[in-house]
Protein backbone atom coordinates (compact mmCIF):
# COMPACT_ATOMS: atom_id res chain seq x y z
CA MET A 1 13.52 20.90 -27.74
CA GLN A 2 13.90 23.31 -24.84
CA PHE A 3 13.66 21.40 -21.56
CA ASP A 4 12.66 22.82 -18.20
CA THR A 5 14.93 20.31 -16.47
CA VAL A 6 17.50 17.77 -17.59
CA ILE A 7 18.65 15.02 -15.25
CA HIS A 8 22.00 13.89 -16.60
CA GLY A 9 24.76 11.41 -15.94
CA GLY A 10 22.74 9.00 -13.81
CA THR A 11 21.83 5.34 -14.05
CA ILE A 12 18.19 5.13 -15.12
CA ALA A 13 16.44 2.12 -13.62
CA THR A 14 13.03 0.92 -14.73
CA ALA A 15 11.11 -2.30 -14.15
CA ASP A 16 12.49 -3.56 -17.48
CA TYR A 17 16.05 -2.28 -17.80
CA THR A 18 18.91 -0.32 -16.26
CA ALA A 19 21.11 1.97 -18.39
CA LYS A 20 23.11 5.17 -18.25
CA GLY A 21 21.21 8.09 -19.70
CA ASP A 22 19.61 11.51 -19.42
CA ILE A 23 16.01 12.57 -18.90
CA GLY A 24 14.49 15.74 -20.33
CA ILE A 25 11.45 17.23 -18.60
CA LYS A 26 9.01 19.73 -20.09
CA ASP A 27 5.73 21.02 -18.60
CA GLY A 28 5.69 18.39 -15.87
CA ARG A 29 6.10 15.44 -18.24
CA ILE A 30 9.05 13.39 -19.38
CA ALA A 31 9.75 14.69 -22.87
CA ALA A 32 12.84 12.66 -23.78
CA VAL A 33 15.04 9.82 -22.54
CA ALA A 34 18.36 9.52 -24.33
CA GLU A 35 22.00 8.63 -23.87
CA LYS A 36 22.84 12.34 -23.75
CA LEU A 37 20.66 15.46 -23.71
CA GLU A 38 21.80 19.07 -23.92
CA GLY A 39 20.14 22.17 -22.54
CA GLY A 40 17.65 22.48 -19.73
CA ALA A 41 16.79 25.58 -17.72
CA ARG A 42 18.01 23.51 -14.80
CA ARG A 43 20.47 20.66 -15.08
CA ILE A 44 20.59 18.12 -12.25
CA ASP A 45 23.79 16.10 -12.05
CA ALA A 46 22.87 12.51 -11.19
CA GLY A 47 26.40 11.14 -11.52
CA GLY A 48 26.89 8.16 -9.21
CA ARG A 49 23.17 8.12 -8.52
CA ILE A 50 20.24 5.89 -9.53
CA VAL A 51 17.24 7.55 -11.19
CA VAL A 52 13.94 5.70 -10.71
CA PRO A 53 10.24 6.45 -10.99
CA GLY A 54 8.89 8.12 -7.88
CA GLY A 55 7.36 5.63 -5.48
CA ILE A 56 3.62 5.02 -5.43
CA GLU A 57 2.50 4.19 -1.90
CA ALA A 58 -0.66 2.17 -2.46
CA HIS A 59 -1.57 1.29 1.14
CA ALA A 60 -1.71 4.07 3.74
CA HIS A 61 -4.17 5.38 6.29
CA ILE A 62 -4.09 9.18 6.25
CA ALA A 63 -6.55 11.47 8.08
CA GLN A 64 -8.74 8.41 8.57
CA GLU A 65 -10.92 7.36 11.48
CA SER A 66 -10.82 3.70 12.39
CA SER A 67 -14.08 1.81 12.87
CA SER A 68 -13.67 2.41 16.62
CA GLY A 69 -13.25 6.15 16.14
CA VAL A 70 -9.47 6.63 16.45
CA MET A 71 -8.10 9.27 14.05
CA THR A 72 -4.68 8.68 12.54
CA ALA A 73 -1.93 11.08 13.61
CA ASP A 74 -1.06 12.10 10.07
CA ASP A 75 -3.23 14.37 7.97
CA TYR A 76 -2.65 14.83 4.24
CA LEU A 77 0.01 17.47 4.84
CA SER A 78 2.23 15.58 7.28
CA GLY A 79 1.49 12.22 5.66
CA SER A 80 2.37 13.40 2.16
CA ILE A 81 5.54 15.12 3.39
CA SER A 82 6.64 11.90 5.09
CA ALA A 83 5.87 9.97 1.92
CA ALA A 84 7.91 12.40 -0.15
CA TYR A 85 10.94 12.11 2.13
CA GLY A 86 10.66 8.36 1.62
CA GLY A 87 11.00 8.64 -2.16
CA ASN A 88 7.31 8.71 -3.09
CA SER A 89 5.77 11.05 -5.66
CA SER A 90 2.17 9.92 -5.19
CA PHE A 91 0.04 7.82 -2.88
CA ILE A 92 -3.37 6.17 -2.62
CA PRO A 93 -4.64 6.30 0.98
CA PHE A 94 -8.01 4.95 2.08
CA ALA A 95 -11.27 6.87 2.26
CA ALA A 96 -13.36 5.02 4.82
CA GLN A 97 -17.12 4.69 4.79
CA GLN A 98 -18.67 4.43 8.24
CA ARG A 99 -21.94 2.54 8.72
CA GLY A 100 -24.85 4.63 7.42
CA GLN A 101 -22.64 7.01 5.46
CA SER A 102 -23.04 7.51 1.71
CA VAL A 103 -20.05 7.08 -0.59
CA ASP A 104 -20.67 10.60 -1.91
CA ASP A 105 -20.22 12.02 1.59
CA VAL A 106 -17.07 9.94 2.10
CA ILE A 107 -15.50 11.31 -1.07
CA ALA A 108 -16.46 14.88 -0.23
CA THR A 109 -14.89 14.51 3.22
CA TYR A 110 -11.62 13.16 1.86
CA ASP A 111 -11.49 15.68 -0.99
CA ALA A 112 -11.40 18.39 1.66
CA ARG A 113 -8.76 16.58 3.71
CA ALA A 114 -6.56 15.71 0.72
CA ALA A 115 -6.43 19.30 -0.52
CA ARG A 116 -3.37 19.81 1.73
CA SER A 117 -1.25 17.10 0.07
CA VAL A 118 2.16 17.99 -1.37
CA ILE A 119 2.14 14.94 -3.67
CA ASP A 120 -0.43 13.55 -6.09
CA TYR A 121 -3.11 11.34 -4.59
CA SER A 122 -6.12 9.17 -5.17
CA TYR A 123 -8.22 7.04 -2.82
CA HIS A 124 -9.16 3.46 -2.22
CA LEU A 125 -12.65 3.46 -0.74
CA ILE A 126 -13.32 1.32 2.33
CA ILE A 127 -16.83 -0.10 2.13
CA SER A 128 -18.45 -1.19 5.38
CA ASP A 129 -22.13 -0.68 4.53
CA PRO A 130 -22.91 -2.05 1.04
CA LYS A 131 -26.60 -1.17 0.90
CA PRO A 132 -28.38 -1.47 -2.46
CA GLU A 133 -28.05 2.26 -3.12
CA VAL A 134 -24.30 1.98 -2.47
CA LEU A 135 -23.85 -0.95 -4.83
CA GLU A 136 -26.21 0.22 -7.56
CA ASP A 137 -25.67 3.97 -7.60
CA GLN A 138 -22.94 5.39 -5.38
CA LEU A 139 -20.07 3.02 -6.18
CA PRO A 140 -20.58 3.24 -9.97
CA ARG A 141 -20.51 7.03 -9.62
CA ALA A 142 -17.21 6.81 -7.73
CA PHE A 143 -15.77 4.48 -10.37
CA ALA A 144 -16.74 6.94 -13.11
CA ARG A 145 -14.80 9.64 -11.29
CA GLY A 146 -11.67 7.47 -11.38
CA ILE A 147 -11.75 5.88 -7.92
CA THR A 148 -11.41 2.35 -9.25
CA SER A 149 -10.52 0.36 -6.14
CA PHE A 150 -12.00 -0.29 -2.75
CA LYS A 151 -11.29 -2.37 0.31
CA VAL A 152 -13.47 -4.74 2.31
CA PHE A 153 -12.87 -6.71 5.50
CA MET A 154 -13.35 -10.33 6.47
CA THR A 155 -12.65 -9.52 10.13
CA TYR A 156 -13.73 -6.94 12.75
CA ASP A 157 -17.43 -7.06 13.64
CA LEU A 158 -18.03 -3.46 12.55
CA MET A 159 -16.44 -4.05 9.13
CA ASN A 160 -16.94 -7.72 8.23
CA LEU A 161 -19.32 -8.06 5.26
CA GLY A 162 -19.77 -11.84 5.31
CA ASP A 163 -19.35 -14.08 2.29
CA GLY A 164 -22.64 -13.06 0.70
CA GLY A 165 -21.80 -9.38 1.00
CA MET A 166 -18.40 -10.11 -0.53
CA LEU A 167 -20.00 -11.78 -3.54
CA ASP A 168 -22.34 -8.86 -4.11
CA ILE A 169 -19.59 -6.28 -4.00
CA LEU A 170 -17.16 -8.37 -6.08
CA THR A 171 -19.82 -8.61 -8.78
CA VAL A 172 -20.30 -4.85 -8.88
CA ALA A 173 -16.53 -4.35 -9.08
CA ARG A 174 -16.21 -6.76 -11.99
CA GLU A 175 -18.99 -5.05 -13.94
CA HIS A 176 -17.26 -1.67 -13.67
CA GLY A 177 -13.61 -2.67 -14.10
CA ALA A 178 -12.77 -1.97 -10.46
CA ILE A 179 -10.60 -4.04 -8.14
CA THR A 180 -11.58 -5.23 -4.67
CA MET A 181 -8.93 -5.19 -1.95
CA VAL A 182 -9.47 -7.46 1.02
CA HIS A 183 -8.18 -7.74 4.56
CA ALA A 184 -8.29 -11.51 4.89
CA GLU A 185 -8.51 -13.01 8.38
CA ASN A 186 -11.11 -15.46 9.64
CA ASN A 187 -13.18 -13.39 12.07
CA ASP A 188 -14.53 -16.29 14.13
CA MET A 189 -11.09 -17.85 14.58
CA VAL A 190 -9.75 -14.53 15.86
CA LYS A 191 -12.69 -13.99 18.22
CA TRP A 192 -12.36 -17.54 19.55
CA MET A 193 -8.67 -16.99 20.30
CA ASN A 194 -9.44 -13.68 22.01
CA ARG A 195 -11.97 -15.36 24.28
CA LYS A 196 -9.52 -18.14 25.18
CA LEU A 197 -6.75 -15.67 26.02
CA ALA A 198 -9.08 -13.38 28.01
CA ALA A 199 -10.33 -16.33 30.07
CA LYS A 200 -6.73 -17.01 31.12
CA GLY A 201 -6.02 -13.34 31.85
CA LEU A 202 -3.49 -13.19 29.02
CA THR A 203 -4.09 -9.65 27.79
CA ALA A 204 -0.63 -8.02 27.64
CA PRO A 205 0.42 -6.59 24.24
CA LYS A 206 2.53 -9.64 23.39
CA TYR A 207 -0.57 -11.85 23.30
CA HIS A 208 -1.89 -9.91 20.31
CA ALA A 209 0.76 -11.81 18.32
CA ILE A 210 -0.94 -15.14 18.94
CA SER A 211 -4.53 -13.91 19.02
CA ARG A 212 -4.69 -13.82 15.22
CA PRO A 213 -3.36 -17.22 14.08
CA GLU A 214 -1.54 -17.78 10.83
CA LEU A 215 -4.30 -20.24 9.94
CA ALA A 216 -6.87 -17.44 10.25
CA GLU A 217 -5.12 -15.53 7.48
CA GLN A 218 -4.53 -18.58 5.31
CA GLU A 219 -8.15 -19.74 5.51
CA ALA A 220 -9.49 -16.29 4.73
CA ILE A 221 -7.11 -15.72 1.82
CA ASN A 222 -8.20 -19.01 0.29
CA ARG A 223 -11.88 -18.22 0.86
CA ALA A 224 -11.60 -14.71 -0.57
CA ILE A 225 -9.93 -16.05 -3.70
CA GLN A 226 -12.62 -18.70 -4.21
CA LEU A 227 -15.36 -16.08 -3.79
CA ALA A 228 -13.65 -13.87 -6.37
CA LYS A 229 -13.17 -16.79 -8.75
CA LEU A 230 -16.86 -17.71 -8.55
CA VAL A 231 -17.81 -14.34 -10.06
CA ASP A 232 -14.51 -13.97 -12.00
CA ALA A 233 -13.67 -10.66 -10.32
CA PRO A 234 -10.19 -9.17 -9.77
CA LEU A 235 -8.97 -9.33 -6.18
CA PHE A 236 -6.08 -7.75 -4.29
CA ILE A 237 -4.95 -9.39 -1.03
CA VAL A 238 -3.46 -6.75 1.25
CA HIS A 239 -0.65 -7.22 3.80
CA VAL A 240 0.04 -10.95 3.36
CA SER A 241 1.95 -11.95 6.50
CA THR A 242 2.24 -15.75 6.32
CA GLU A 243 4.12 -18.31 4.29
CA GLY A 244 0.93 -20.32 3.78
CA GLY A 245 -0.98 -17.28 2.60
CA ALA A 246 1.75 -16.40 0.13
CA GLU A 247 1.78 -19.97 -1.19
CA ILE A 248 -1.97 -19.82 -1.85
CA VAL A 249 -1.55 -16.55 -3.74
CA ARG A 250 1.35 -17.95 -5.78
CA ARG A 251 -0.62 -21.09 -6.72
CA GLU A 252 -3.76 -19.24 -7.74
CA LYS A 253 -1.86 -16.62 -9.73
CA PHE A 254 -0.02 -19.40 -11.56
CA ASN A 255 -3.40 -20.88 -12.49
CA GLY A 256 -4.55 -17.60 -14.05
CA ALA A 257 -6.72 -16.05 -11.35
CA LYS A 258 -7.30 -12.30 -11.56
CA LEU A 259 -5.27 -11.97 -8.41
CA PHE A 260 -2.86 -9.40 -6.95
CA ALA A 261 -1.16 -9.17 -3.55
CA GLU A 262 1.27 -7.28 -1.38
CA THR A 263 3.30 -7.69 1.77
CA CYS A 264 4.77 -5.01 4.04
CA PRO A 265 8.18 -4.09 5.51
CA GLN A 266 7.09 -4.79 9.08
CA TYR A 267 6.60 -8.47 8.24
CA LEU A 268 10.13 -8.56 6.82
CA ALA A 269 11.92 -6.51 9.48
CA LEU A 270 10.16 -7.33 12.76
CA THR A 271 8.89 -10.40 14.62
CA ARG A 272 6.43 -11.21 17.38
CA ALA A 273 9.33 -10.92 19.84
CA ASP A 274 9.07 -7.15 19.36
CA LEU A 275 5.70 -7.23 21.15
CA ASP A 276 7.30 -8.85 24.20
CA ARG A 277 8.79 -5.65 25.61
CA PRO A 278 8.63 -4.18 29.12
CA GLY A 279 5.40 -2.57 30.26
CA MET A 280 3.27 -1.39 27.36
CA GLU A 281 6.16 -0.87 24.92
CA GLY A 282 4.94 -3.83 22.91
CA ALA A 283 1.86 -1.80 21.96
CA LYS A 284 4.01 0.07 19.45
CA TYR A 285 4.22 -3.14 17.43
CA ILE A 286 0.55 -4.10 17.44
CA CYS A 287 -0.79 -4.36 13.89
CA SER A 288 -3.11 -6.76 12.11
CA PRO A 289 -2.27 -9.24 10.81
CA PRO A 290 0.34 -9.48 13.57
CA LEU A 291 4.08 -9.81 13.24
CA ARG A 292 5.24 -13.40 12.76
CA ASP A 293 8.71 -15.03 13.02
CA SER A 294 12.07 -15.21 11.25
CA ARG A 295 11.13 -18.29 9.21
CA THR A 296 8.17 -16.37 7.81
CA GLN A 297 10.43 -13.43 6.97
CA ASP A 298 12.65 -15.70 4.86
CA ALA A 299 9.61 -17.16 3.10
CA LEU A 300 8.16 -13.73 2.32
CA TRP A 301 11.47 -12.54 0.87
CA HIS A 302 11.47 -15.65 -1.33
CA HIS A 303 7.99 -14.79 -2.59
CA ILE A 304 8.98 -11.17 -3.23
CA ALA A 305 11.89 -12.33 -5.37
CA GLN A 306 9.75 -14.88 -7.23
CA GLY A 307 7.02 -12.40 -8.16
CA THR A 308 4.21 -13.52 -5.85
CA PHE A 309 3.62 -9.92 -4.76
CA GLU A 310 2.93 -6.90 -6.93
CA SER A 311 4.16 -4.52 -4.28
CA VAL A 312 5.67 -4.02 -0.86
CA SER A 313 3.47 -1.38 0.79
CA SER A 314 3.80 0.33 4.15
CA ASP A 315 0.26 -0.03 5.55
CA HIS A 316 1.11 3.25 7.27
CA ALA A 317 -1.33 3.43 10.21
CA PRO A 318 0.05 6.16 12.48
CA TYR A 319 -1.33 6.05 16.01
CA ARG A 320 0.79 7.91 18.54
CA PHE A 321 2.04 6.19 21.67
CA ASP A 322 -0.27 8.26 23.88
CA GLU A 323 -3.91 8.91 24.77
CA THR A 324 -4.68 10.27 21.28
CA GLY A 325 -3.63 7.03 19.58
CA LYS A 326 -2.63 3.68 20.97
CA PHE A 327 -4.14 4.43 24.38
CA LEU A 328 -7.32 6.27 23.45
CA ASN A 329 -9.19 3.70 25.56
CA GLY A 330 -6.86 4.01 28.55
CA SER A 331 -3.24 3.37 29.49
CA ASP A 332 -3.52 0.01 31.25
CA ILE A 333 -5.79 -1.89 28.87
CA PRO A 334 -5.94 -5.34 27.30
CA TYR A 335 -4.43 -5.71 23.84
CA PRO A 336 -7.81 -5.78 21.94
CA LYS A 337 -8.45 -2.18 23.08
CA ILE A 338 -5.10 -0.85 21.85
CA ALA A 339 -5.22 1.00 18.52
CA ASN A 340 -4.09 -1.30 15.76
CA GLY A 341 -1.34 -0.25 13.36
CA MET A 342 2.11 1.28 13.02
CA PRO A 343 3.78 3.97 10.92
CA GLY A 344 6.18 3.35 8.05
CA ILE A 345 5.45 5.45 4.96
CA ALA A 346 8.89 7.10 4.91
CA ALA A 347 10.78 3.90 5.77
CA ARG A 348 9.18 1.65 3.13
CA LEU A 349 11.43 2.31 0.16
CA PRO A 350 14.74 2.88 1.99
CA TYR A 351 14.17 -0.42 3.82
CA LEU A 352 13.26 -2.27 0.62
CA PHE A 353 16.28 -0.86 -1.21
CA SER A 354 18.70 -1.61 1.62
CA GLU A 355 17.47 -5.07 2.57
CA GLY A 356 16.41 -6.03 -0.94
CA VAL A 357 18.75 -4.53 -3.54
CA VAL A 358 21.87 -3.90 -1.47
CA LYS A 359 21.75 -7.36 0.14
CA GLY A 360 21.05 -9.07 -3.18
CA ARG A 361 17.59 -10.40 -2.38
CA ILE A 362 16.01 -8.60 -5.35
CA THR A 363 17.29 -6.81 -8.43
CA LEU A 364 17.15 -3.07 -8.99
CA GLU A 365 14.52 -3.66 -11.66
CA GLN A 366 12.40 -5.61 -9.17
CA PHE A 367 12.74 -2.77 -6.69
CA VAL A 368 11.28 -0.36 -9.27
CA ALA A 369 8.43 -2.76 -10.04
CA LEU A 370 7.62 -3.31 -6.37
CA SER A 371 7.87 0.34 -5.41
CA SER A 372 6.06 1.99 -8.30
CA THR A 373 5.47 0.35 -11.67
CA ASN A 374 3.26 -2.52 -10.53
CA ALA A 375 1.09 -0.23 -8.40
CA ALA A 376 0.60 2.06 -11.38
CA LYS A 377 -0.53 -0.88 -13.55
CA THR A 378 -2.69 -2.52 -10.91
CA PHE A 379 -4.47 0.63 -9.77
CA GLY A 380 -4.77 2.39 -13.11
CA CYS A 381 -2.32 5.29 -12.70
CA GLU A 382 -1.68 5.43 -16.43
CA THR A 383 0.77 8.37 -16.47
CA LYS A 384 2.86 7.23 -13.50
CA GLY A 385 5.27 4.47 -12.54
CA ARG A 386 7.53 4.54 -15.63
CA ILE A 387 10.37 6.62 -17.03
CA ALA A 388 9.31 7.12 -20.63
CA PRO A 389 8.28 10.03 -22.86
CA GLY A 390 4.76 11.24 -22.10
CA MET A 391 4.74 10.04 -18.50
CA ASP A 392 4.47 12.37 -15.52
CA ALA A 393 7.93 13.47 -14.40
CA ASP A 394 7.58 11.67 -11.05
CA ILE A 395 11.20 10.83 -10.34
CA ALA A 396 13.40 9.93 -7.37
CA ILE A 397 17.18 10.22 -7.48
CA TRP A 398 18.81 7.79 -5.06
CA ASN A 399 22.25 7.77 -3.51
CA PRO A 400 22.87 4.00 -3.38
CA GLU A 401 25.77 4.25 -0.96
CA ALA A 402 24.45 6.66 1.66
CA ARG A 403 24.33 5.11 5.12
CA VAL A 404 21.53 6.20 7.42
CA THR A 405 20.39 5.25 10.92
CA VAL A 406 16.59 5.38 11.13
CA THR A 407 15.19 7.79 13.71
CA ALA A 408 11.67 8.98 14.41
CA ALA A 409 12.63 12.57 13.64
CA ASP A 410 13.82 11.66 10.14
CA GLN A 411 10.42 10.20 9.23
CA HIS A 412 8.93 13.72 8.99
CA ASP A 413 5.51 12.42 10.06
CA ASN A 414 3.36 13.39 13.04
CA MET A 415 4.37 10.34 15.07
CA ASP A 416 6.32 10.02 18.29
CA TYR A 417 8.03 6.76 17.36
CA THR A 418 9.06 4.56 14.46
CA PRO A 419 9.14 0.76 14.74
CA PHE A 420 12.34 0.84 12.65
CA GLU A 421 14.24 3.02 15.17
CA GLY A 422 18.02 2.41 15.07
CA MET A 423 17.98 0.29 11.92
CA GLU A 424 21.03 0.80 9.69
CA ILE A 425 19.96 1.54 6.11
CA THR A 426 22.08 1.79 2.97
CA GLY A 427 20.69 3.95 0.18
CA LYS A 428 18.33 6.91 0.32
CA PRO A 429 16.43 9.25 -2.02
CA GLU A 430 18.17 12.63 -2.28
CA ILE A 431 15.92 14.39 -4.79
CA VAL A 432 12.23 13.61 -5.30
CA MET A 433 10.12 15.16 -8.05
CA ASN A 434 6.37 15.27 -8.63
CA ARG A 435 5.29 16.26 -12.15
CA GLY A 436 8.68 17.88 -12.74
CA ALA A 437 8.68 19.98 -9.56
CA VAL A 438 11.33 19.18 -6.96
CA ILE A 439 9.52 18.42 -3.71
CA VAL A 440 12.47 17.18 -1.59
CA GLU A 441 16.11 18.05 -2.23
CA HIS A 442 18.97 16.88 -0.01
CA GLY A 443 16.82 16.81 3.11
CA GLU A 444 15.01 20.10 2.45
CA LEU A 445 11.29 20.25 1.71
CA LYS A 446 10.65 22.25 -1.46
CA ALA A 447 6.97 21.47 -1.94
CA LYS A 448 4.12 23.74 -0.93
CA GLU A 449 0.98 22.68 0.88
CA GLY A 450 -1.76 21.73 -1.57
CA GLN A 451 0.33 21.33 -4.71
CA GLY A 452 -0.64 17.66 -5.09
CA ARG A 453 -3.40 16.78 -7.53
CA PHE A 454 -6.11 14.16 -7.52
CA VAL A 455 -5.35 11.30 -9.93
CA ALA A 456 -8.34 9.85 -11.76
CA ARG A 457 -7.46 6.21 -12.30
CA GLN A 458 -8.29 3.73 -15.03
CA PRO A 459 -9.65 0.16 -14.61
CA VAL A 460 -7.31 -2.55 -13.36
CA ASP A 461 -4.88 -3.97 -15.95
CA LEU A 462 -5.84 -7.65 -16.34
CA ARG A 463 -3.58 -8.54 -19.25
CA GLY A 464 -2.06 -11.97 -18.71
CA LYS A 465 -4.75 -12.95 -16.20
CA PRO A 466 -7.37 -15.05 -18.02
CA GLY A 467 -9.47 -15.54 -14.92
CA PHE A 468 -11.83 -18.38 -14.10
CA THR A 469 -15.29 -19.43 -15.24
CA ALA A 470 -17.23 -21.54 -12.77
CA LYS A 471 -19.17 -24.30 -14.52
CA GLU A 472 -22.29 -23.31 -12.64
CA LEU A 473 -22.14 -19.81 -14.13
CA ASP A 474 -21.28 -20.92 -17.67
CA PRO A 475 -24.47 -20.98 -19.82
CA SER A 476 -22.98 -23.77 -21.96
CA GLN A 477 -22.82 -25.97 -18.86
CA ASN A 478 -25.67 -24.74 -16.62
CA PHE A 479 -28.68 -25.35 -18.86
CA GLY A 480 -28.45 -21.87 -20.39
CA ALA A 481 -29.00 -19.91 -17.17
CA GLU A 482 -27.65 -16.35 -17.50
CA LEU A 483 -26.46 -15.70 -13.94
CA ARG A 484 -23.61 -13.27 -14.48
């Protein structure tokens, strides 16, 4: 076979094995994986390097307005470039429905925005207005197009659907093979804490860290899981930030629930002490759920190693440290009015490799699973996330010994800061490929604007997850009532 490209002499790492070998690429796909391959119009020497599937960033906010009207700093050009420099070959940002907006209009809007991407992309919908026409007509049409996941909120007044709304939308997802992602925090607990802090005049950025209690996340995670179990629907818990929340996820997954979850680098690398900085500097570290403490970091690393989480995602939410982002509502404002989120799409995989693989917290195979393979399985990217014949040639070649100091400039995004500034990292992606085309090579961008393609995704992979049948919905135990 005549190959377009052969990657030779490297250590191939997958979620299942690590071995020396070569990869032959033809027409954007992996055509062969063998101990040794000859030929290739281009031969890439990967000696001393690790060859892994390109990362799949499954949680990012790109060219997206928040519910309060703040637009993220990154569009699909800058956001995809930053992702590529971080070792990613594809990503799945959110496409957010505003109240009163049809899902068709949402998709049309994001199709236009995403046309600038340099890497492959899909969307998770954000549903804030699940009217009957949305549930019965518009969502099924989106699922048929290959947008097989969406996110809902249990917090924020403008986004919170309530338990009944959750049940309705979970049922629709189950019927169509889609997966519901949920931001799980108890809205009333958070609002109660905000009122208590405001009454005492405690509104500096650092108080955001205690305004959203760990118990608020734990209660909401448990409630979301029970709602999903009632209708036997798959559920994905985003950005788990607490030990208690992780324990609930671990227990329910062990018992067979159709359950998936992630955590994020910021909860591993940073703590609430980072919000306690002079002036308004702490605003850079405001995200929800908030940063926790060092004990929680240790617990989350334990759960990563033990398989509680499918992925470690960035939750890239880039709001600049100026009047266009964090301070859209003013410069001297209480923490609830500060834009919520921080950047991290380029830092995700280098951080996970350095702090996970290099420091022995996780294996190289686990790194591949957490960075790419599990996201491909969970979100139906059937030709991505693996190094095997027939798969897209989405590949990242890592130098495992390179030492890098994180700077904002090296993130290649449209931000004016990175929360990981000054962190010493070991290991970085040197060459990143998307469908066989080199998009980043030794620090130089090779991709062209708009070369990314939309990825139509398949239903969630539920193998090994038997689910749960509530007695009250089982016709053999509920007097024959057909309620599902």
